[in-house]
C-alpha atoms as a PDB file:
ATOM      1  CA  MET A   1     -63.294  48.033  71.652  1.00  0.00           C
ATOM      2  CA  LEU A   2     -63.797  49.174  67.951  1.00  0.00           C
ATOM      3  CA  LEU A   3     -60.588  50.919  67.654  1.00  0.00           C
ATOM      4  CA  GLY A   4     -58.644  47.756  69.020  1.00  0.00           C
ATOM      5  CA  GLY A   5     -60.554  45.624  66.388  1.00  0.00           C
ATOM      6  CA  MET A   6     -59.823  47.952  63.802  1.00  0.00           C
ATOM      7  CA  LEU A   7     -55.996  48.270  64.753  1.00  0.00           C
ATOM      8  CA  ALA A   8     -55.812  44.317  65.002  1.00  0.00           C
ATOM      9  CA  LEU A   9     -57.170  44.219  61.391  1.00  0.00           C
ATOM     10  CA  LEU A  10     -54.908  46.875  60.073  1.00  0.00           C
ATOM     11  CA  ALA A  11     -51.814  45.053  61.838  1.00  0.00           C
ATOM     12  CA  SER A  12     -52.788  41.717  60.555  1.00  0.00           C
ATOM     13  CA  GLY A  13     -53.555  42.924  56.832  1.00  0.00           C
ATOM     14  CA  SER A  14     -49.953  44.705  56.797  1.00  0.00           C
ATOM     15  CA  TRP A  15     -48.411  41.322  58.089  1.00  0.00           C
ATOM     16  CA  TRP A  16     -50.406  39.624  55.186  1.00  0.00           C
ATOM     17  CA  LEU A  17     -49.296  42.149  52.706  1.00  0.00           C
ATOM     18  CA  SER A  18     -45.330  42.113  53.640  1.00  0.00           C
ATOM     19  CA  GLU A  19     -45.400  38.509  53.506  1.00  0.00           C
ATOM     20  CA  SER A  20     -47.239  38.338  50.074  1.00  0.00           C
ATOM     21  CA  VAL A  21     -45.176  40.824  48.423  1.00  0.00           C
ATOM     22  CA  GLU A  22     -42.537  39.325  45.895  1.00  0.00           C
ATOM     23  CA  ARG A  23     -39.211  39.964  47.071  1.00  0.00           C
ATOM     24  CA  PRO A  24     -36.152  40.226  44.834  1.00  0.00           C
ATOM     25  CA  ASN A  25     -34.666  36.706  45.473  1.00  0.00           C
ATOM     26  CA  PHE A  26     -31.800  34.978  43.400  1.00  0.00           C
ATOM     27  CA  GLY A  27     -31.234  31.703  45.210  1.00  0.00           C
ATOM     28  CA  GLY A  28     -34.939  31.153  46.812  1.00  0.00           C
ATOM     29  CA  ASP A  29     -33.605  30.223  50.172  1.00  0.00           C
ATOM     30  CA  GLY A  30     -34.035  33.548  51.758  1.00  0.00           C
ATOM     31  CA  VAL A  31     -30.081  33.732  52.731  1.00  0.00           C
ATOM     32  CA  ASP A  32     -29.423  34.731  48.897  1.00  0.00           C
ATOM     33  CA  ARG A  33     -31.590  37.733  48.618  1.00  0.00           C
ATOM     34  CA  TYR A  34     -30.114  40.687  46.523  1.00  0.00           C
ATOM     35  CA  ASP A  35     -30.627  44.241  47.775  1.00  0.00           C
ATOM     36  CA  TYR A  36     -30.374  46.303  44.287  1.00  0.00           C
ATOM     37  CA  PHE A  37     -30.189  45.479  40.738  1.00  0.00           C
ATOM     38  CA  LEU A  38     -29.231  47.432  37.803  1.00  0.00           C
ATOM     39  CA  ARG A  39     -30.159  46.911  34.001  1.00  0.00           C
ATOM     40  CA  ASP A  40     -27.702  47.670  31.076  1.00  0.00           C
ATOM     41  CA  PHE A  41     -24.910  48.069  33.727  1.00  0.00           C
ATOM     42  CA  ARG A  42     -21.349  49.591  32.664  1.00  0.00           C
ATOM     43  CA  ASN A  43     -18.342  50.421  34.921  1.00  0.00           C
ATOM     44  CA  THR A  44     -15.216  51.713  33.343  1.00  0.00           C
ATOM     45  CA  VAL A  45     -12.093  52.004  35.320  1.00  0.00           C
ATOM     46  CA  HIS A  46      -9.448  54.437  34.098  1.00  0.00           C
ATOM     47  CA  ASP A  47      -5.452  54.432  34.332  1.00  0.00           C
ATOM     48  CA  VAL A  48      -3.550  57.305  35.993  1.00  0.00           C
ATOM     49  CA  GLU A  49      -3.132  58.970  32.423  1.00  0.00           C
ATOM     50  CA  GLY A  50      -7.112  58.786  31.923  1.00  0.00           C
ATOM     51  CA  ARG A  51      -7.277  56.248  29.694  1.00  0.00           C
ATOM     52  CA  PRO A  52      -9.759  53.136  29.887  1.00  0.00           C
ATOM     53  CA  SER A  53      -8.098  50.247  31.555  1.00  0.00           C
ATOM     54  CA  ARG A  54     -11.176  48.000  31.528  1.00  0.00           C
ATOM     55  CA  VAL A  55     -14.868  47.999  31.321  1.00  0.00           C
ATOM     56  CA  LEU A  56     -17.323  45.692  32.932  1.00  0.00           C
ATOM     57  CA  ALA A  57     -20.703  45.710  31.369  1.00  0.00           C
ATOM     58  CA  ALA A  58     -23.890  43.663  31.845  1.00  0.00           C
ATOM     59  CA  LYS A  59     -27.338  43.109  30.945  1.00  0.00           C
ATOM     60  CA  GLU A  60     -28.360  42.863  34.397  1.00  0.00           C
ATOM     61  CA  MET A  61     -26.252  42.932  37.700  1.00  0.00           C
ATOM     62  CA  ARG A  62     -27.596  41.900  41.258  1.00  0.00           C
ATOM     63  CA  HIS A  63     -25.891  42.861  44.497  1.00  0.00           C
ATOM     64  CA  TYR A  64     -25.887  40.301  47.712  1.00  0.00           C
ATOM     65  CA  PRO A  65     -25.312  41.817  51.180  1.00  0.00           C
ATOM     66  CA  HIS A  66     -24.677  38.783  52.933  1.00  0.00           C
ATOM     67  CA  ASP A  67     -21.412  38.060  51.111  1.00  0.00           C
ATOM     68  CA  ASP A  68     -20.972  41.580  49.290  1.00  0.00           C
ATOM     69  CA  SER A  69     -20.996  39.778  45.656  1.00  0.00           C
ATOM     70  CA  THR A  70     -22.502  40.928  42.450  1.00  0.00           C
ATOM     71  CA  ARG A  71     -24.182  38.500  40.134  1.00  0.00           C
ATOM     72  CA  LEU A  72     -24.172  39.560  36.439  1.00  0.00           C
ATOM     73  CA  ASP A  73     -26.403  38.446  33.364  1.00  0.00           C
ATOM     74  CA  ALA A  74     -24.526  38.219  30.163  1.00  0.00           C
ATOM     75  CA  PRO A  75     -21.263  40.002  31.552  1.00  0.00           C
ATOM     76  CA  ARG A  76     -18.874  41.476  28.933  1.00  0.00           C
ATOM     77  CA  LEU A  77     -15.368  42.742  30.214  1.00  0.00           C
ATOM     78  CA  THR A  78     -12.987  44.586  28.109  1.00  0.00           C
ATOM     79  CA  LEU A  79      -9.395  45.029  29.367  1.00  0.00           C
ATOM     80  CA  TYR A  80      -6.898  47.414  27.658  1.00  0.00           C
ATOM     81  CA  ASN A  81      -3.178  47.499  27.847  1.00  0.00           C
ATOM     82  CA  ALA A  82      -0.472  49.964  27.043  1.00  0.00           C
ATOM     83  CA  ASN A  83       0.417  48.375  23.889  1.00  0.00           C
ATOM     84  CA  GLY A  84      -3.219  49.554  22.602  1.00  0.00           C
ATOM     85  CA  GLU A  85      -4.527  45.855  22.730  1.00  0.00           C
ATOM     86  CA  ARG A  86      -8.197  45.329  23.800  1.00  0.00           C
ATOM     87  CA  TRP A  87      -9.062  41.948  24.996  1.00  0.00           C
ATOM     88  CA  ARG A  88     -12.867  41.322  25.059  1.00  0.00           C
ATOM     89  CA  VAL A  89     -14.361  38.535  27.334  1.00  0.00           C
ATOM     90  CA  ALA A  90     -18.083  37.742  27.471  1.00  0.00           C
ATOM     91  CA  ALA A  91     -20.203  34.821  29.098  1.00  0.00           C
ATOM     92  CA  ALA A  92     -23.683  33.910  29.990  1.00  0.00           C
ATOM     93  CA  SER A  93     -23.231  34.831  33.639  1.00  0.00           C
ATOM     94  CA  GLY A  94     -20.865  35.834  36.414  1.00  0.00           C
ATOM     95  CA  LYS A  95     -19.928  36.558  39.705  1.00  0.00           C
ATOM     96  CA  LEU A  96     -17.808  39.627  41.102  1.00  0.00           C
ATOM     97  CA  SER A  97     -16.371  39.370  44.362  1.00  0.00           C
ATOM     98  CA  GLY A  98     -17.121  41.833  47.169  1.00  0.00           C
ATOM     99  CA  ASP A  99     -13.706  43.359  46.711  1.00  0.00           C
ATOM    100  CA  GLY A 100     -13.857  43.355  42.632  1.00  0.00           C
ATOM    101  CA  GLN A 101     -10.486  41.375  42.799  1.00  0.00           C
ATOM    102  CA  LEU A 102     -12.302  38.019  41.232  1.00  0.00           C
ATOM    103  CA  LEU A 103     -14.534  37.554  38.529  1.00  0.00           C
ATOM    104  CA  VAL A 104     -15.900  33.970  37.882  1.00  0.00           C
ATOM    105  CA  LEU A 105     -17.683  33.745  34.464  1.00  0.00           C
ATOM    106  CA  GLU A 106     -19.587  30.363  33.309  1.00  0.00           C
ATOM    107  CA  GLY A 107     -21.824  29.430  30.276  1.00  0.00           C
ATOM    108  CA  GLY A 108     -19.810  29.470  26.906  1.00  0.00           C
ATOM    109  CA  VAL A 109     -17.089  31.899  27.941  1.00  0.00           C
ATOM    110  CA  GLU A 110     -15.296  33.651  24.832  1.00  0.00           C
ATOM    111  CA  ILE A 111     -12.300  35.603  24.789  1.00  0.00           C
ATOM    112  CA  GLU A 112     -11.157  37.767  21.890  1.00  0.00           C
ATOM    113  CA  ARG A 113      -8.537  39.880  20.793  1.00  0.00           C
ATOM    114  CA  PRO A 114      -9.101  41.626  17.167  1.00  0.00           C
ATOM    115  CA  ASP A 115      -6.344  41.812  14.585  1.00  0.00           C
ATOM    116  CA  ALA A 116      -3.813  44.200  15.769  1.00  0.00           C
ATOM    117  CA  HIS A 117      -0.311  45.451  15.041  1.00  0.00           C
ATOM    118  CA  GLY A 118      -0.130  43.243  12.069  1.00  0.00           C
ATOM    119  CA  ARG A 119      -0.957  40.178  13.917  1.00  0.00           C
ATOM    120  CA  PRO A 120      -4.190  38.128  13.386  1.00  0.00           C
ATOM    121  CA  GLY A 121      -6.924  38.219  16.113  1.00  0.00           C
ATOM    122  CA  VAL A 122      -7.288  35.381  18.789  1.00  0.00           C
ATOM    123  CA  ARG A 123     -10.515  33.741  19.876  1.00  0.00           C
ATOM    124  CA  ILE A 124     -10.599  31.392  23.119  1.00  0.00           C
ATOM    125  CA  GLU A 125     -13.711  29.556  24.146  1.00  0.00           C
ATOM    126  CA  THR A 126     -14.016  27.756  27.477  1.00  0.00           C
ATOM    127  CA  PRO A 127     -17.021  26.719  29.612  1.00  0.00           C
ATOM    128  CA  ASP A 128     -15.662  28.982  32.716  1.00  0.00           C
ATOM    129  CA  LEU A 129     -13.084  31.202  33.824  1.00  0.00           C
ATOM    130  CA  MET A 130     -11.989  33.303  36.389  1.00  0.00           C
ATOM    131  CA  VAL A 131     -10.714  36.607  35.687  1.00  0.00           C
ATOM    132  CA  TYR A 132      -8.408  38.902  37.811  1.00  0.00           C
ATOM    133  CA  PRO A 133      -9.516  41.976  36.341  1.00  0.00           C
ATOM    134  CA  GLU A 134      -6.776  44.479  38.133  1.00  0.00           C
ATOM    135  CA  ARG A 135      -4.117  42.074  37.489  1.00  0.00           C
ATOM    136  CA  ASN A 136      -5.172  41.476  33.735  1.00  0.00           C
ATOM    137  CA  ILE A 137      -4.976  37.624  34.371  1.00  0.00           C
ATOM    138  CA  ALA A 138      -7.356  35.062  33.505  1.00  0.00           C
ATOM    139  CA  GLU A 139      -7.229  31.239  34.381  1.00  0.00           C
ATOM    140  CA  THR A 140      -9.293  27.932  33.991  1.00  0.00           C
ATOM    141  CA  GLY A 141      -9.003  24.115  34.425  1.00  0.00           C
ATOM    142  CA  ALA A 142     -11.595  23.507  31.868  1.00  0.00           C
ATOM    143  CA  GLU A 143     -11.151  22.545  28.146  1.00  0.00           C
ATOM    144  CA  ILE A 144     -10.320  25.265  25.934  1.00  0.00           C
ATOM    145  CA  ARG A 145      -9.669  26.076  22.255  1.00  0.00           C
ATOM    146  CA  VAL A 146      -7.752  28.762  20.849  1.00  0.00           C
ATOM    147  CA  GLN A 147      -8.221  30.024  17.438  1.00  0.00           C
ATOM    148  CA  SER A 148      -5.863  32.468  15.474  1.00  0.00           C
ATOM    149  CA  GLY A 149      -6.387  32.629  11.731  1.00  0.00           C
ATOM    150  CA  ALA A 150      -5.966  29.133  10.523  1.00  0.00           C
ATOM    151  CA  ASN A 151      -3.914  28.000  13.542  1.00  0.00           C
ATOM    152  CA  TRP A 152      -5.859  26.160  16.481  1.00  0.00           C
ATOM    153  CA  MET A 153      -5.271  24.636  19.846  1.00  0.00           C
ATOM    154  CA  VAL A 154      -6.949  22.567  22.318  1.00  0.00           C
ATOM    155  CA  ALA A 155      -5.803  21.851  25.737  1.00  0.00           C
ATOM    156  CA  LYS A 156      -7.189  21.347  29.316  1.00  0.00           C
ATOM    157  CA  GLY A 157      -6.472  24.098  31.425  1.00  0.00           C
ATOM    158  CA  MET A 158      -4.884  27.949  30.609  1.00  0.00           C
ATOM    159  CA  ARG A 159      -3.485  30.959  32.475  1.00  0.00           C
ATOM    160  CA  ALA A 160      -3.536  33.988  30.118  1.00  0.00           C
ATOM    161  CA  TRP A 161      -1.838  37.426  31.061  1.00  0.00           C
ATOM    162  CA  PHE A 162      -3.770  40.127  28.989  1.00  0.00           C
ATOM    163  CA  GLY A 163      -1.236  42.853  30.056  1.00  0.00           C
ATOM    164  CA  ASP A 164       1.678  44.647  28.125  1.00  0.00           C
ATOM    165  CA  ALA A 165       3.425  41.360  27.512  1.00  0.00           C
ATOM    166  CA  ALA A 166       0.252  39.423  26.605  1.00  0.00           C
ATOM    167  CA  ARG A 167       0.935  35.590  26.740  1.00  0.00           C
ATOM    168  CA  ILE A 168      -0.949  32.360  27.079  1.00  0.00           C
ATOM    169  CA  LYS A 169       0.016  29.090  29.204  1.00  0.00           C
ATOM    170  CA  LEU A 170      -1.472  26.046  28.276  1.00  0.00           C
ATOM    171  CA  LEU A 171      -1.669  23.505  31.173  1.00  0.00           C
ATOM    172  CA  SER A 172      -2.090  20.175  29.727  1.00  0.00           C
ATOM    173  CA  LYS A 173      -3.313  17.713  27.010  1.00  0.00           C
ATOM    174  CA  VAL A 174      -2.150  19.962  24.600  1.00  0.00           C
ATOM    175  CA  ARG A 175      -2.812  19.465  20.598  1.00  0.00           C
ATOM    176  CA  GLY A 176      -3.198  21.741  17.492  1.00  0.00           C
ATOM    177  CA  ARG A 177      -2.413  22.758  14.268  1.00  0.00           C
ATOM    178  CA  TYR A 178      -0.066  25.659  13.254  1.00  0.00           C
ATOM    179  CA  GLU A 179       0.207  26.688   9.568  1.00  0.00           C
ATOM    180  CA  ILE A 180       3.725  27.854   8.238  1.00  0.00           C
ATOM    181  CA  HIS A 181       3.303  30.262   5.499  1.00  0.00           C
END
């Protein structure tokens, strides 16, 4: 009897402890629980010649097994092309699809290309951005602002190609100022 009581007490204590321990949880609804996280995360992908083609870093990343997605705090993505240009993308938060094909960035997204090959740098600001890292393409339907030297443009929506033939397509309501020297 005493042994049975002790086993029951031990079982109920174990149950209470397992219920009271705080589990990692992003969403709070039980479905959105992460199974692991990393701090100061950095992942570098190299091209066939061994040069970096892209680097994804974040202050913290959390993996969610229910949809195989990864959530990122303060993500920074650097894309390199064969011309030696480097595009840096930063945001407050992001979500990477399980297959790594789509990175959704939110919260003050900033895209920068430093001065290169005698051309002035470019800075693009938008509230959100979808990036397809393997294809070096990004797009948004939100308001954007593009600044390059004294020149600027604002628009609603953008599609950008960061590869060897880098270009930006502004989708609608485009206006700006371009200074001729």
